[in-house]
N, C-alpha and C. Protein backbone atom coordinates (compact mmCIF):
# COMPACT_ATOMS: atom_id res chain seq x y z
N MET A 1 -70.23 -53.23 -113.47
CA MET A 1 -69.08 -54.05 -113.72
C MET A 1 -69.17 -55.27 -112.84
N ASP A 2 -69.02 -56.40 -113.45
CA ASP A 2 -69.05 -57.64 -112.70
C ASP A 2 -67.64 -58.10 -112.45
N ILE A 3 -67.43 -58.66 -111.28
CA ILE A 3 -66.12 -59.19 -110.93
C ILE A 3 -66.05 -60.61 -111.47
N LYS A 4 -65.06 -60.85 -112.31
CA LYS A 4 -64.88 -62.18 -112.87
C LYS A 4 -63.54 -62.71 -112.37
N ILE A 5 -63.59 -63.76 -111.61
CA ILE A 5 -62.39 -64.32 -111.01
C ILE A 5 -62.06 -65.61 -111.74
N GLU A 6 -60.82 -65.66 -112.23
CA GLU A 6 -60.37 -66.87 -112.89
C GLU A 6 -59.31 -67.52 -112.02
N GLY A 7 -59.34 -68.79 -111.89
CA GLY A 7 -58.37 -69.51 -111.07
C GLY A 7 -58.87 -69.60 -109.64
N ASN A 8 -58.06 -70.14 -108.78
CA ASN A 8 -58.41 -70.34 -107.38
C ASN A 8 -57.99 -69.10 -106.58
N PRO A 9 -58.95 -68.30 -106.10
CA PRO A 9 -58.59 -67.10 -105.35
C PRO A 9 -58.19 -67.40 -103.91
N GLY A 10 -58.29 -68.62 -103.44
CA GLY A 10 -57.97 -68.96 -102.06
C GLY A 10 -59.19 -68.78 -101.19
N THR A 11 -59.05 -69.08 -99.93
CA THR A 11 -60.18 -68.97 -99.02
C THR A 11 -60.01 -67.74 -98.14
N GLY A 12 -61.10 -67.19 -97.67
CA GLY A 12 -61.07 -66.05 -96.78
C GLY A 12 -60.85 -64.72 -97.47
N ASN A 13 -60.79 -64.69 -98.78
CA ASN A 13 -60.59 -63.44 -99.51
C ASN A 13 -61.94 -62.81 -99.79
N SER A 14 -61.98 -61.49 -99.79
CA SER A 14 -63.22 -60.80 -100.14
C SER A 14 -62.92 -59.86 -101.29
N PHE A 15 -63.93 -59.61 -102.09
CA PHE A 15 -63.78 -58.74 -103.26
C PHE A 15 -64.88 -57.69 -103.21
N HIS A 16 -64.47 -56.44 -103.46
CA HIS A 16 -65.42 -55.33 -103.42
C HIS A 16 -65.37 -54.59 -104.74
N GLU A 17 -66.51 -54.06 -105.11
CA GLU A 17 -66.59 -53.27 -106.32
C GLU A 17 -66.90 -51.83 -105.92
N TYR A 18 -66.04 -50.89 -106.35
CA TYR A 18 -66.20 -49.49 -106.02
C TYR A 18 -66.43 -48.71 -107.31
N HIS A 19 -67.37 -47.79 -107.25
CA HIS A 19 -67.63 -46.89 -108.38
C HIS A 19 -67.35 -45.47 -107.91
N ILE A 20 -66.17 -44.96 -108.27
CA ILE A 20 -65.75 -43.63 -107.84
C ILE A 20 -65.30 -42.86 -109.08
N ASN A 21 -65.77 -41.62 -109.20
CA ASN A 21 -65.40 -40.82 -110.36
C ASN A 21 -63.97 -40.32 -110.29
N ASN A 22 -63.52 -39.83 -109.12
CA ASN A 22 -62.19 -39.25 -109.00
C ASN A 22 -61.56 -39.77 -107.70
N VAL A 23 -60.37 -40.32 -107.81
CA VAL A 23 -59.70 -40.86 -106.64
C VAL A 23 -58.35 -40.17 -106.48
N GLU A 24 -58.18 -39.47 -105.35
CA GLU A 24 -56.86 -38.91 -105.03
C GLU A 24 -56.09 -39.91 -104.19
N THR A 25 -56.73 -40.38 -103.15
CA THR A 25 -56.12 -41.37 -102.29
C THR A 25 -57.18 -42.41 -101.98
N PHE A 26 -56.88 -43.64 -102.24
CA PHE A 26 -57.82 -44.71 -101.97
C PHE A 26 -57.15 -45.68 -101.01
N ALA A 27 -57.63 -45.69 -99.80
CA ALA A 27 -57.09 -46.57 -98.79
C ALA A 27 -58.26 -47.07 -97.94
N PRO A 28 -58.90 -48.15 -98.34
CA PRO A 28 -60.11 -48.60 -97.64
C PRO A 28 -59.84 -49.04 -96.20
N ASN A 29 -58.64 -49.45 -95.88
CA ASN A 29 -58.35 -49.90 -94.52
C ASN A 29 -57.69 -48.83 -93.66
N ALA A 30 -57.43 -47.67 -94.22
CA ALA A 30 -56.77 -46.60 -93.47
C ALA A 30 -57.78 -45.95 -92.53
N THR A 31 -57.30 -45.57 -91.34
CA THR A 31 -58.19 -44.92 -90.39
C THR A 31 -58.20 -43.40 -90.61
N THR A 32 -57.10 -42.84 -91.07
CA THR A 32 -57.03 -41.40 -91.30
C THR A 32 -56.22 -41.15 -92.57
N VAL A 33 -56.76 -40.33 -93.43
CA VAL A 33 -56.05 -39.93 -94.64
C VAL A 33 -55.99 -38.41 -94.63
N ILE A 34 -54.79 -37.87 -94.73
CA ILE A 34 -54.63 -36.42 -94.72
C ILE A 34 -54.02 -36.01 -96.05
N ASN A 35 -54.76 -35.22 -96.80
CA ASN A 35 -54.25 -34.64 -98.04
C ASN A 35 -53.91 -33.19 -97.75
N ASN A 36 -52.70 -32.83 -98.01
CA ASN A 36 -52.24 -31.50 -97.69
C ASN A 36 -52.11 -30.71 -99.00
N HIS A 37 -53.25 -30.29 -99.56
CA HIS A 37 -53.24 -29.62 -100.86
C HIS A 37 -53.52 -28.12 -100.76
N TYR A 38 -53.75 -27.60 -99.57
CA TYR A 38 -54.26 -26.25 -99.48
C TYR A 38 -53.30 -25.29 -98.78
N GLY A 39 -52.03 -25.61 -98.73
CA GLY A 39 -51.04 -24.68 -98.21
C GLY A 39 -51.01 -24.57 -96.70
N ASP A 40 -51.50 -25.57 -95.98
CA ASP A 40 -51.47 -25.48 -94.53
C ASP A 40 -50.24 -26.16 -93.93
N ARG A 41 -49.25 -26.43 -94.73
CA ARG A 41 -47.98 -26.95 -94.21
C ARG A 41 -47.23 -25.83 -93.52
N LYS A 42 -46.43 -26.21 -92.55
CA LYS A 42 -45.61 -25.22 -91.88
C LYS A 42 -44.51 -24.78 -92.83
N PRO A 43 -44.26 -23.49 -92.90
CA PRO A 43 -43.21 -23.03 -93.81
C PRO A 43 -41.84 -23.52 -93.34
N VAL A 44 -41.00 -23.83 -94.29
CA VAL A 44 -39.64 -24.28 -93.98
C VAL A 44 -38.81 -23.06 -93.60
N GLN A 45 -38.13 -23.16 -92.44
CA GLN A 45 -37.31 -22.05 -92.01
C GLN A 45 -35.94 -22.13 -92.67
N ALA A 46 -35.46 -21.01 -93.08
CA ALA A 46 -34.14 -20.95 -93.69
C ALA A 46 -33.08 -21.12 -92.60
N ALA A 47 -31.96 -21.67 -92.97
CA ALA A 47 -30.85 -21.84 -92.03
C ALA A 47 -30.37 -20.46 -91.60
N PRO A 48 -29.99 -20.33 -90.32
CA PRO A 48 -29.53 -19.01 -89.87
C PRO A 48 -28.25 -18.60 -90.59
N SER A 49 -28.13 -17.32 -90.82
CA SER A 49 -26.94 -16.81 -91.50
C SER A 49 -25.77 -16.80 -90.53
N LYS A 50 -24.58 -16.60 -91.05
CA LYS A 50 -23.38 -16.55 -90.22
C LYS A 50 -23.47 -15.41 -89.20
N ALA A 51 -24.04 -14.28 -89.62
CA ALA A 51 -24.18 -13.14 -88.71
C ALA A 51 -25.12 -13.48 -87.56
N GLU A 52 -26.22 -14.17 -87.86
CA GLU A 52 -27.16 -14.57 -86.82
C GLU A 52 -26.53 -15.57 -85.86
N GLU A 53 -25.75 -16.52 -86.39
CA GLU A 53 -25.07 -17.50 -85.55
C GLU A 53 -24.07 -16.81 -84.63
N LYS A 54 -23.33 -15.84 -85.17
CA LYS A 54 -22.34 -15.12 -84.37
C LYS A 54 -23.03 -14.31 -83.28
N ALA A 55 -24.15 -13.67 -83.63
CA ALA A 55 -24.90 -12.89 -82.64
C ALA A 55 -25.44 -13.79 -81.53
N ALA A 56 -25.91 -14.98 -81.88
CA ALA A 56 -26.41 -15.92 -80.87
C ALA A 56 -25.28 -16.40 -79.97
N LEU A 57 -24.11 -16.62 -80.55
CA LEU A 57 -22.95 -17.05 -79.77
C LEU A 57 -22.54 -15.97 -78.78
N ILE A 58 -22.50 -14.73 -79.23
CA ILE A 58 -22.14 -13.61 -78.35
C ILE A 58 -23.17 -13.46 -77.23
N GLN A 59 -24.45 -13.64 -77.58
CA GLN A 59 -25.52 -13.55 -76.58
C GLN A 59 -25.36 -14.64 -75.51
N ARG A 60 -25.06 -15.85 -75.92
CA ARG A 60 -24.87 -16.95 -74.95
C ARG A 60 -23.64 -16.73 -74.09
N GLN A 61 -22.57 -16.23 -74.69
CA GLN A 61 -21.37 -15.94 -73.91
C GLN A 61 -21.67 -14.86 -72.86
N GLN A 62 -22.45 -13.87 -73.24
CA GLN A 62 -22.82 -12.82 -72.28
C GLN A 62 -23.68 -13.40 -71.16
N GLU A 63 -24.56 -14.33 -71.48
CA GLU A 63 -25.38 -14.98 -70.44
C GLU A 63 -24.49 -15.77 -69.48
N ILE A 64 -23.45 -16.41 -69.99
CA ILE A 64 -22.51 -17.14 -69.13
C ILE A 64 -21.79 -16.16 -68.21
N LEU A 65 -21.33 -15.04 -68.77
CA LEU A 65 -20.63 -14.03 -67.96
C LEU A 65 -21.56 -13.45 -66.88
N ASP A 66 -22.81 -13.22 -67.23
CA ASP A 66 -23.78 -12.73 -66.24
C ASP A 66 -23.98 -13.77 -65.13
N TYR A 67 -24.04 -15.04 -65.53
CA TYR A 67 -24.25 -16.14 -64.59
C TYR A 67 -23.09 -16.23 -63.59
N VAL A 68 -21.86 -16.23 -64.09
CA VAL A 68 -20.71 -16.38 -63.20
C VAL A 68 -20.40 -15.09 -62.43
N SER A 69 -20.90 -13.95 -62.89
CA SER A 69 -20.66 -12.70 -62.17
C SER A 69 -21.42 -12.68 -60.84
N ASN A 70 -22.38 -13.58 -60.67
CA ASN A 70 -23.07 -13.67 -59.39
C ASN A 70 -22.12 -14.06 -58.27
N LEU A 71 -20.98 -14.65 -58.62
CA LEU A 71 -20.02 -15.12 -57.62
C LEU A 71 -18.90 -14.11 -57.35
N LYS A 72 -19.02 -12.89 -57.84
CA LYS A 72 -17.94 -11.90 -57.68
C LYS A 72 -17.57 -11.67 -56.22
N GLN A 73 -18.52 -11.82 -55.32
CA GLN A 73 -18.22 -11.62 -53.90
C GLN A 73 -17.29 -12.69 -53.35
N TYR A 74 -17.18 -13.82 -54.05
CA TYR A 74 -16.31 -14.90 -53.60
C TYR A 74 -15.02 -15.01 -54.41
N VAL A 75 -14.74 -14.02 -55.24
CA VAL A 75 -13.51 -14.03 -56.03
C VAL A 75 -12.37 -13.51 -55.15
N ALA A 76 -11.22 -14.19 -55.20
CA ALA A 76 -10.05 -13.80 -54.41
C ALA A 76 -9.61 -12.39 -54.82
N LEU A 77 -9.06 -11.66 -53.89
CA LEU A 77 -8.65 -10.27 -54.14
C LEU A 77 -7.72 -10.13 -55.33
N GLU A 78 -6.74 -11.03 -55.45
CA GLU A 78 -5.78 -10.92 -56.56
C GLU A 78 -6.40 -11.25 -57.92
N TRP A 79 -7.61 -11.82 -57.94
CA TRP A 79 -8.28 -12.16 -59.20
C TRP A 79 -9.43 -11.21 -59.52
N LYS A 80 -9.83 -10.36 -58.59
CA LYS A 80 -11.02 -9.51 -58.79
C LYS A 80 -10.94 -8.66 -60.05
N ASN A 81 -9.76 -8.06 -60.31
CA ASN A 81 -9.66 -7.16 -61.46
C ASN A 81 -9.56 -7.92 -62.79
N ARG A 82 -9.37 -9.22 -62.77
CA ARG A 82 -9.26 -9.96 -64.03
C ARG A 82 -10.19 -11.17 -64.10
N TYR A 83 -11.17 -11.21 -63.22
CA TYR A 83 -12.11 -12.34 -63.19
C TYR A 83 -12.89 -12.46 -64.51
N GLU A 84 -13.47 -11.35 -64.96
CA GLU A 84 -14.25 -11.38 -66.21
C GLU A 84 -13.35 -11.66 -67.42
N SER A 85 -12.19 -11.06 -67.46
CA SER A 85 -11.28 -11.30 -68.60
C SER A 85 -10.79 -12.75 -68.59
N THR A 86 -10.63 -13.33 -67.41
CA THR A 86 -10.25 -14.75 -67.33
C THR A 86 -11.36 -15.60 -67.92
N TRP A 87 -12.61 -15.27 -67.57
CA TRP A 87 -13.73 -16.02 -68.15
C TRP A 87 -13.80 -15.84 -69.66
N ARG A 88 -13.56 -14.65 -70.14
CA ARG A 88 -13.56 -14.44 -71.59
C ARG A 88 -12.48 -15.30 -72.26
N SER A 89 -11.32 -15.40 -71.62
CA SER A 89 -10.24 -16.24 -72.16
C SER A 89 -10.65 -17.72 -72.14
N ILE A 90 -11.32 -18.14 -71.08
CA ILE A 90 -11.79 -19.53 -71.00
C ILE A 90 -12.80 -19.81 -72.10
N LEU A 91 -13.73 -18.89 -72.31
CA LEU A 91 -14.75 -19.08 -73.35
C LEU A 91 -14.13 -19.09 -74.75
N ALA A 92 -12.96 -18.47 -74.91
CA ALA A 92 -12.29 -18.43 -76.21
C ALA A 92 -11.46 -19.68 -76.48
N LEU A 93 -11.22 -20.50 -75.46
CA LEU A 93 -10.46 -21.73 -75.68
C LEU A 93 -11.23 -22.63 -76.66
N PRO A 94 -10.58 -23.18 -77.68
CA PRO A 94 -11.29 -23.99 -78.68
C PRO A 94 -12.02 -25.19 -78.08
N GLN A 95 -11.41 -25.84 -77.08
CA GLN A 95 -12.03 -27.01 -76.47
C GLN A 95 -13.33 -26.63 -75.75
N VAL A 96 -13.31 -25.47 -75.11
CA VAL A 96 -14.47 -25.00 -74.36
C VAL A 96 -15.53 -24.42 -75.31
N ALA A 97 -15.08 -23.61 -76.26
CA ALA A 97 -16.01 -22.95 -77.18
C ALA A 97 -16.84 -23.95 -77.97
N ALA A 98 -16.28 -25.13 -78.23
CA ALA A 98 -16.98 -26.13 -79.03
C ALA A 98 -18.22 -26.69 -78.32
N VAL A 99 -18.26 -26.65 -76.99
CA VAL A 99 -19.36 -27.30 -76.28
C VAL A 99 -20.10 -26.42 -75.27
N ILE A 100 -19.55 -25.31 -74.87
CA ILE A 100 -20.15 -24.56 -73.76
C ILE A 100 -21.45 -23.86 -74.14
N CYS A 101 -21.66 -23.54 -75.38
CA CYS A 101 -22.87 -22.83 -75.78
C CYS A 101 -24.01 -23.76 -76.18
N GLU A 102 -23.85 -25.04 -75.99
CA GLU A 102 -24.90 -26.00 -76.31
C GLU A 102 -25.40 -26.64 -75.01
N PRO A 103 -26.64 -26.37 -74.60
CA PRO A 103 -27.11 -26.88 -73.32
C PRO A 103 -27.41 -28.38 -73.30
N GLY A 104 -27.56 -28.99 -74.46
CA GLY A 104 -27.90 -30.41 -74.47
C GLY A 104 -29.29 -30.62 -73.87
N LYS A 105 -29.41 -31.53 -72.92
CA LYS A 105 -30.72 -31.85 -72.32
C LYS A 105 -30.99 -31.06 -71.05
N GLN A 106 -30.13 -30.12 -70.71
CA GLN A 106 -30.34 -29.32 -69.51
C GLN A 106 -31.53 -28.39 -69.70
N LYS A 107 -32.32 -28.25 -68.67
CA LYS A 107 -33.53 -27.44 -68.76
C LYS A 107 -33.29 -26.02 -68.25
N ASP A 108 -34.06 -25.09 -68.78
CA ASP A 108 -34.05 -23.69 -68.35
C ASP A 108 -32.69 -23.00 -68.50
N THR A 109 -31.97 -23.32 -69.55
CA THR A 109 -30.70 -22.65 -69.80
C THR A 109 -30.42 -22.65 -71.29
N THR A 110 -29.60 -21.69 -71.72
CA THR A 110 -29.22 -21.61 -73.13
C THR A 110 -27.76 -21.99 -73.34
N PHE A 111 -27.08 -22.37 -72.26
CA PHE A 111 -25.67 -22.76 -72.36
C PHE A 111 -25.45 -24.01 -71.51
N ASN A 112 -24.27 -24.58 -71.61
CA ASN A 112 -23.94 -25.80 -70.88
C ASN A 112 -23.59 -25.42 -69.43
N ARG A 113 -24.63 -25.34 -68.61
CA ARG A 113 -24.48 -24.91 -67.22
C ARG A 113 -23.61 -25.88 -66.42
N ASN A 114 -23.69 -27.16 -66.73
CA ASN A 114 -22.87 -28.15 -66.02
C ASN A 114 -21.38 -27.91 -66.27
N LEU A 115 -21.02 -27.61 -67.50
CA LEU A 115 -19.62 -27.34 -67.82
C LEU A 115 -19.15 -26.06 -67.13
N VAL A 116 -20.00 -25.05 -67.08
CA VAL A 116 -19.65 -23.82 -66.38
C VAL A 116 -19.38 -24.12 -64.90
N ALA A 117 -20.22 -24.96 -64.30
CA ALA A 117 -20.02 -25.34 -62.90
C ALA A 117 -18.72 -26.12 -62.72
N ASN A 118 -18.42 -27.01 -63.66
CA ASN A 118 -17.16 -27.76 -63.59
C ASN A 118 -15.96 -26.81 -63.66
N ILE A 119 -16.04 -25.80 -64.51
CA ILE A 119 -14.95 -24.83 -64.64
C ILE A 119 -14.85 -24.00 -63.36
N LEU A 120 -15.98 -23.68 -62.73
CA LEU A 120 -15.95 -22.97 -61.46
C LEU A 120 -15.24 -23.82 -60.39
N TYR A 121 -15.44 -25.12 -60.45
CA TYR A 121 -14.74 -26.01 -59.52
C TYR A 121 -13.22 -25.92 -59.75
N LEU A 122 -12.80 -25.93 -61.03
CA LEU A 122 -11.37 -25.79 -61.32
C LEU A 122 -10.85 -24.45 -60.82
N MET A 123 -11.66 -23.41 -60.95
CA MET A 123 -11.25 -22.09 -60.48
C MET A 123 -11.11 -22.07 -58.96
N SER A 124 -11.98 -22.79 -58.28
CA SER A 124 -11.85 -22.83 -56.82
C SER A 124 -10.61 -23.61 -56.40
N GLU A 125 -10.23 -24.63 -57.19
CA GLU A 125 -8.99 -25.35 -56.91
C GLU A 125 -7.76 -24.48 -57.09
N HIS A 126 -7.85 -23.51 -58.01
CA HIS A 126 -6.72 -22.60 -58.27
C HIS A 126 -6.77 -21.36 -57.38
N GLY A 127 -7.75 -21.26 -56.51
CA GLY A 127 -7.84 -20.12 -55.60
C GLY A 127 -8.50 -18.89 -56.19
N VAL A 128 -9.11 -19.01 -57.36
CA VAL A 128 -9.81 -17.86 -57.95
C VAL A 128 -11.10 -17.62 -57.17
N ILE A 129 -11.83 -18.69 -56.88
CA ILE A 129 -13.06 -18.63 -56.09
C ILE A 129 -12.68 -19.07 -54.67
N THR A 130 -12.97 -18.23 -53.69
CA THR A 130 -12.57 -18.55 -52.31
C THR A 130 -13.57 -19.47 -51.63
N GLU A 131 -14.82 -19.41 -52.00
CA GLU A 131 -15.85 -20.25 -51.38
C GLU A 131 -15.79 -21.65 -51.99
N ARG A 132 -15.68 -22.66 -51.15
CA ARG A 132 -15.57 -24.05 -51.64
C ARG A 132 -16.84 -24.84 -51.36
N ASN A 133 -17.78 -24.27 -50.63
CA ASN A 133 -19.01 -24.96 -50.30
C ASN A 133 -19.95 -24.94 -51.50
N ALA A 134 -20.17 -26.11 -52.09
CA ALA A 134 -20.99 -26.21 -53.31
C ALA A 134 -22.43 -25.81 -53.05
N THR A 135 -22.94 -26.08 -51.87
CA THR A 135 -24.33 -25.72 -51.55
C THR A 135 -24.50 -24.21 -51.55
N ARG A 136 -23.57 -23.51 -50.94
CA ARG A 136 -23.66 -22.04 -50.90
C ARG A 136 -23.51 -21.45 -52.31
N LEU A 137 -22.58 -21.98 -53.09
CA LEU A 137 -22.41 -21.50 -54.47
C LEU A 137 -23.66 -21.76 -55.30
N THR A 138 -24.27 -22.92 -55.11
CA THR A 138 -25.49 -23.26 -55.85
C THR A 138 -26.61 -22.31 -55.49
N GLU A 139 -26.72 -22.00 -54.21
CA GLU A 139 -27.76 -21.08 -53.77
C GLU A 139 -27.59 -19.70 -54.40
N ILE A 140 -26.35 -19.25 -54.53
CA ILE A 140 -26.11 -17.94 -55.13
C ILE A 140 -26.35 -17.97 -56.64
N LEU A 141 -25.91 -19.04 -57.30
CA LEU A 141 -26.06 -19.13 -58.76
C LEU A 141 -27.51 -19.38 -59.18
N GLU A 142 -28.19 -20.28 -58.48
CA GLU A 142 -29.51 -20.72 -58.91
C GLU A 142 -30.66 -20.29 -58.00
N GLY A 143 -30.34 -19.83 -56.80
CA GLY A 143 -31.40 -19.46 -55.87
C GLY A 143 -32.03 -20.65 -55.18
N ASP A 144 -31.45 -21.82 -55.34
CA ASP A 144 -31.99 -23.05 -54.76
C ASP A 144 -30.82 -23.96 -54.42
N LYS A 145 -30.68 -24.32 -53.17
CA LYS A 145 -29.53 -25.13 -52.76
C LYS A 145 -29.61 -26.57 -53.27
N ASP A 146 -30.79 -27.02 -53.70
CA ASP A 146 -30.96 -28.40 -54.17
C ASP A 146 -30.94 -28.52 -55.69
N HIS A 147 -30.51 -27.48 -56.38
CA HIS A 147 -30.46 -27.49 -57.85
C HIS A 147 -29.43 -28.52 -58.32
N PRO A 148 -29.67 -29.21 -59.43
CA PRO A 148 -28.74 -30.24 -59.92
C PRO A 148 -27.32 -29.73 -60.23
N VAL A 149 -27.15 -28.44 -60.39
CA VAL A 149 -25.83 -27.90 -60.70
C VAL A 149 -24.87 -28.08 -59.50
N ARG A 150 -25.42 -28.31 -58.32
CA ARG A 150 -24.59 -28.46 -57.12
C ARG A 150 -23.59 -29.61 -57.27
N ALA A 151 -24.04 -30.71 -57.84
CA ALA A 151 -23.13 -31.86 -58.02
C ALA A 151 -21.99 -31.51 -58.97
N GLN A 152 -22.26 -30.67 -59.96
CA GLN A 152 -21.24 -30.30 -60.94
C GLN A 152 -20.22 -29.33 -60.35
N LEU A 153 -20.59 -28.63 -59.27
CA LEU A 153 -19.66 -27.72 -58.61
C LEU A 153 -18.64 -28.46 -57.76
N ARG A 154 -18.76 -29.77 -57.74
CA ARG A 154 -17.83 -30.60 -56.96
C ARG A 154 -16.97 -31.50 -57.84
N SER A 155 -17.03 -31.31 -59.14
CA SER A 155 -16.28 -32.21 -60.01
C SER A 155 -15.66 -31.47 -61.18
N LYS A 156 -14.61 -32.10 -61.72
CA LYS A 156 -13.92 -31.56 -62.89
C LYS A 156 -14.72 -31.90 -64.14
N PRO A 157 -14.45 -31.20 -65.24
CA PRO A 157 -15.12 -31.55 -66.51
C PRO A 157 -14.78 -32.98 -66.93
N ASP A 158 -15.74 -33.64 -67.56
CA ASP A 158 -15.52 -35.01 -68.04
C ASP A 158 -14.44 -35.06 -69.12
N ASP A 159 -14.38 -34.03 -69.92
CA ASP A 159 -13.42 -33.97 -71.03
C ASP A 159 -12.05 -33.55 -70.49
N ARG A 160 -11.10 -34.45 -70.58
CA ARG A 160 -9.75 -34.19 -70.05
C ARG A 160 -9.09 -33.01 -70.78
N GLY A 161 -9.37 -32.87 -72.07
CA GLY A 161 -8.80 -31.76 -72.85
C GLY A 161 -9.24 -30.41 -72.31
N ILE A 162 -10.51 -30.30 -71.93
CA ILE A 162 -11.02 -29.05 -71.36
C ILE A 162 -10.34 -28.78 -70.02
N THR A 163 -10.24 -29.81 -69.19
CA THR A 163 -9.60 -29.65 -67.88
C THR A 163 -8.17 -29.16 -68.03
N GLU A 164 -7.41 -29.78 -68.92
CA GLU A 164 -6.02 -29.40 -69.12
C GLU A 164 -5.90 -27.97 -69.65
N ALA A 165 -6.76 -27.61 -70.61
CA ALA A 165 -6.69 -26.27 -71.19
C ALA A 165 -7.03 -25.19 -70.16
N VAL A 166 -8.06 -25.42 -69.36
CA VAL A 166 -8.45 -24.44 -68.35
C VAL A 166 -7.38 -24.35 -67.26
N ASN A 167 -6.87 -25.50 -66.82
CA ASN A 167 -5.81 -25.49 -65.80
C ASN A 167 -4.58 -24.73 -66.29
N LYS A 168 -4.23 -24.94 -67.55
CA LYS A 168 -3.06 -24.25 -68.13
C LYS A 168 -3.29 -22.74 -68.15
N LEU A 169 -4.48 -22.33 -68.54
CA LEU A 169 -4.81 -20.91 -68.58
C LEU A 169 -4.79 -20.30 -67.17
N LEU A 170 -5.34 -21.01 -66.20
CA LEU A 170 -5.37 -20.50 -64.83
C LEU A 170 -3.96 -20.49 -64.21
N ASP A 171 -3.12 -21.45 -64.57
CA ASP A 171 -1.74 -21.46 -64.08
C ASP A 171 -0.97 -20.25 -64.59
N LYS A 172 -1.23 -19.86 -65.84
CA LYS A 172 -0.56 -18.69 -66.42
C LYS A 172 -0.97 -17.41 -65.69
N GLY A 173 -2.21 -17.39 -65.22
CA GLY A 173 -2.75 -16.19 -64.57
C GLY A 173 -2.21 -15.96 -63.18
N GLN A 174 -1.56 -16.95 -62.57
CA GLN A 174 -1.10 -16.78 -61.19
C GLN A 174 0.21 -16.11 -61.07
């Protein structure tokens, strides 16, 4: 086959003649062409069922309860018998439940550890937790006094709605 050019093709253009019997993908300037015809795609995962989501939520809530139970030695005497039930009530608050089980960008956790630390700060303000030294609490919770959670043990939650809801619940408990 001869290339027949009619008109002015311009300058700097090049023309190539290719003789190919079968073309699936023709990209002469491409550096890599991947044809995925042999079933090596990753299988699409189905969305988790409601039962699986509920089980994951219960698992994360239990991990939170295990995490905060490390501080039982610092719970005030009048709160010792209801410390865990108070935490269960906090986890059931709609404002808290919406965000506490999502860790975001936090590493090595399955729940929002910063929010848990902020709630522990509120609890210490209400006298539920007797120890106020954030370094000591961090060492007990994380095993490392320089863990980033230490800063969160000194501040209230950023969300005012969460702060108000937790404060209201803790005020009722006194």
